[in-house]
């Protein structure tokens, strides 16, 4: 009786469930990235220096990362998820705070303004004087 040696080669099936391409939420972006890197959620959480539960909440869109973690998220994703592409004052403030790891409180102390004032800028820029806008822009560019 003849002996035949048969080898069957196939690629390992991927069990990675990628989020829909249409889902542009932060959670979907984080999940896509950790799956591409073939990291576990625990390894990804370790990268950010947070507990796995915190990271999972980000991935599930239940919470957004604290401002102190956002710079690391930007590095991880390779782009700034929070940059909406506008030159609005509120966007510029957020990008500055991410870059410099500043909470709203720390940012207000730097500008010597109230937290309420920054909230007003974020919500309705029209209520901010041009003089104050110039002060903020000067702070952001220095």
Protein backbone atom coordinates (compact mmCIF):
# COMPACT_ATOMS: atom_id res chain seq x y z
CA UNK A 1 0.00 0.00 0.00
CA UNK A 2 1.51 3.41 -1.02
CA UNK A 3 2.08 6.10 1.59
CA UNK A 4 1.22 9.70 0.73
CA UNK A 5 2.37 12.66 2.77
CA UNK A 6 -0.05 15.50 2.34
CA UNK A 7 0.46 18.92 3.87
CA UNK A 8 -2.38 21.36 4.05
CA UNK A 9 -1.47 24.97 4.67
CA UNK A 10 -3.96 27.62 5.58
CA UNK A 11 -3.77 30.95 7.27
CA UNK A 12 -4.86 31.06 10.84
CA UNK A 13 -8.41 32.39 10.92
CA UNK A 14 -8.85 35.82 12.39
CA UNK A 15 -11.27 35.96 15.27
CA UNK A 16 -10.83 39.68 15.59
CA UNK A 17 -14.13 41.45 15.40
CA UNK A 18 -13.28 44.86 14.06
CA UNK A 19 -15.78 47.64 14.59
CA UNK A 20 -17.67 48.84 11.54
CA UNK A 21 -15.68 51.18 9.30
CA UNK A 22 -18.52 53.68 9.68
CA UNK A 23 -18.07 53.76 13.47
CA UNK A 24 -15.75 56.70 14.11
CA UNK A 25 -16.24 56.76 17.89
CA UNK A 26 -13.19 56.87 20.12
CA UNK A 27 -14.00 53.39 21.42
CA UNK A 28 -14.03 51.96 17.90
CA UNK A 29 -10.74 53.68 17.06
CA UNK A 30 -9.10 52.33 20.23
CA UNK A 31 -10.39 48.83 19.60
CA UNK A 32 -9.23 48.82 15.97
CA UNK A 33 -5.77 49.91 17.05
CA UNK A 34 -5.37 47.35 19.83
CA UNK A 35 -6.54 44.57 17.51
CA UNK A 36 -4.13 45.66 14.76
CA UNK A 37 -1.29 45.65 17.29
CA UNK A 38 -2.53 42.26 18.52
CA UNK A 39 -2.51 43.51 22.09
CA UNK A 40 -4.90 42.36 24.74
CA UNK A 41 -7.04 44.90 26.54
CA UNK A 42 -4.78 44.38 29.56
CA UNK A 43 -1.64 45.15 27.54
CA UNK A 44 -3.31 48.24 26.12
CA UNK A 45 -4.39 49.35 29.59
CA UNK A 46 -0.80 48.87 30.77
CA UNK A 47 0.41 51.10 27.92
CA UNK A 48 -1.87 53.86 29.17
CA UNK A 49 -1.02 53.20 32.81
CA UNK A 50 -4.66 52.58 33.75
CA UNK A 51 -6.67 49.65 35.03
CA UNK A 52 -8.15 47.31 32.44
CA UNK A 53 -11.65 48.32 33.58
CA UNK A 54 -10.90 51.98 32.79
CA UNK A 55 -9.61 51.08 29.35
CA UNK A 56 -12.64 48.89 28.64
CA UNK A 57 -14.92 51.78 29.54
CA UNK A 58 -13.11 53.91 26.95
CA UNK A 59 -13.42 51.18 24.34
CA UNK A 60 -17.11 50.71 25.11
CA UNK A 61 -17.67 54.49 24.88
CA UNK A 62 -18.90 54.65 28.45
CA UNK A 63 -16.24 57.17 29.50
CA UNK A 64 -13.71 59.31 27.70
CA UNK A 65 -10.10 59.39 28.85
CA UNK A 66 -9.13 62.02 31.40
CA UNK A 67 -7.23 64.94 29.92
CA UNK A 68 -4.04 63.51 31.46
CA UNK A 69 -4.41 60.34 29.35
CA UNK A 70 -5.35 62.00 26.09
CA UNK A 71 -1.81 62.83 24.97
CA UNK A 72 -0.98 59.14 25.26
CA UNK A 73 -4.17 58.30 23.30
CA UNK A 74 -3.02 60.68 20.55
CA UNK A 75 0.36 58.91 20.41
CA UNK A 76 -1.31 55.50 20.42
CA UNK A 77 -3.75 56.30 17.60
CA UNK A 78 -1.19 58.23 15.59
CA UNK A 79 -3.45 61.26 15.27
CA UNK A 80 -5.39 63.60 17.52
CA UNK A 81 -8.91 62.21 17.77
CA UNK A 82 -10.15 65.41 19.42
CA UNK A 83 -8.94 67.78 16.69
CA UNK A 84 -12.06 68.71 14.77
CA UNK A 85 -10.02 70.58 12.17
CA UNK A 86 -11.39 74.00 13.04
CA UNK A 87 -9.62 77.02 14.40
CA UNK A 88 -12.37 77.69 16.91
CA UNK A 89 -11.19 78.91 20.26
CA UNK A 90 -12.73 75.96 22.07
CA UNK A 91 -10.91 73.49 19.78
CA UNK A 92 -7.61 75.34 20.17
CA UNK A 93 -8.00 75.34 23.96
CA UNK A 94 -8.73 71.62 24.04
CA UNK A 95 -5.75 70.79 21.82
CA UNK A 96 -3.49 72.98 23.98
CA UNK A 97 -4.73 71.31 27.15
CA UNK A 98 -4.11 67.85 25.66
CA UNK A 99 -0.62 68.79 24.50
CA UNK A 100 0.31 70.24 27.89
CA UNK A 101 -1.64 67.77 30.08
CA UNK A 102 -3.65 70.55 31.71
CA UNK A 103 -6.95 70.15 33.50
CA UNK A 104 -9.46 72.96 33.10
CA UNK A 105 -8.53 74.15 36.58
CA UNK A 106 -4.81 74.30 35.75
CA UNK A 107 -5.55 76.07 32.49
CA UNK A 108 -7.74 78.67 34.21
CA UNK A 109 -5.01 79.33 36.77
CA UNK A 110 -2.53 79.86 33.96
CA UNK A 111 -4.88 82.41 32.34
CA UNK A 112 -6.10 83.84 35.63
CA UNK A 113 -9.76 83.35 34.65
CA UNK A 114 -12.62 81.37 36.14
CA UNK A 115 -13.59 77.85 35.17
CA UNK A 116 -17.01 79.23 34.28
CA UNK A 117 -15.37 81.56 31.77
CA UNK A 118 -13.68 78.63 29.99
CA UNK A 119 -17.01 76.77 29.96
CA UNK A 120 -18.58 79.82 28.29
CA UNK A 121 -15.82 79.83 25.68
CA UNK A 122 -16.40 76.14 25.01
CA UNK A 123 -20.15 76.56 24.64
CA UNK A 124 -20.77 80.00 23.20
CA UNK A 125 -17.76 81.86 21.87
CA UNK A 126 -19.93 84.86 21.02
CA UNK A 127 -20.09 85.86 24.70
CA UNK A 128 -16.33 86.34 24.94
CA UNK A 129 -14.81 89.77 24.36
CA UNK A 130 -12.26 90.14 21.59
CA UNK A 131 -9.78 91.37 24.21
CA UNK A 132 -10.16 88.16 26.19
CA UNK A 133 -9.94 86.06 23.01
CA UNK A 134 -6.62 87.75 22.26
CA UNK A 135 -5.34 86.97 25.77
CA UNK A 136 -6.26 83.31 25.31
CA UNK A 137 -4.75 83.09 21.82
CA UNK A 138 -1.53 84.69 23.09
CA UNK A 139 -1.36 82.11 25.88
CA UNK A 140 -1.95 79.29 23.40
CA UNK A 141 0.79 80.44 21.03
CA UNK A 142 3.49 80.95 23.67
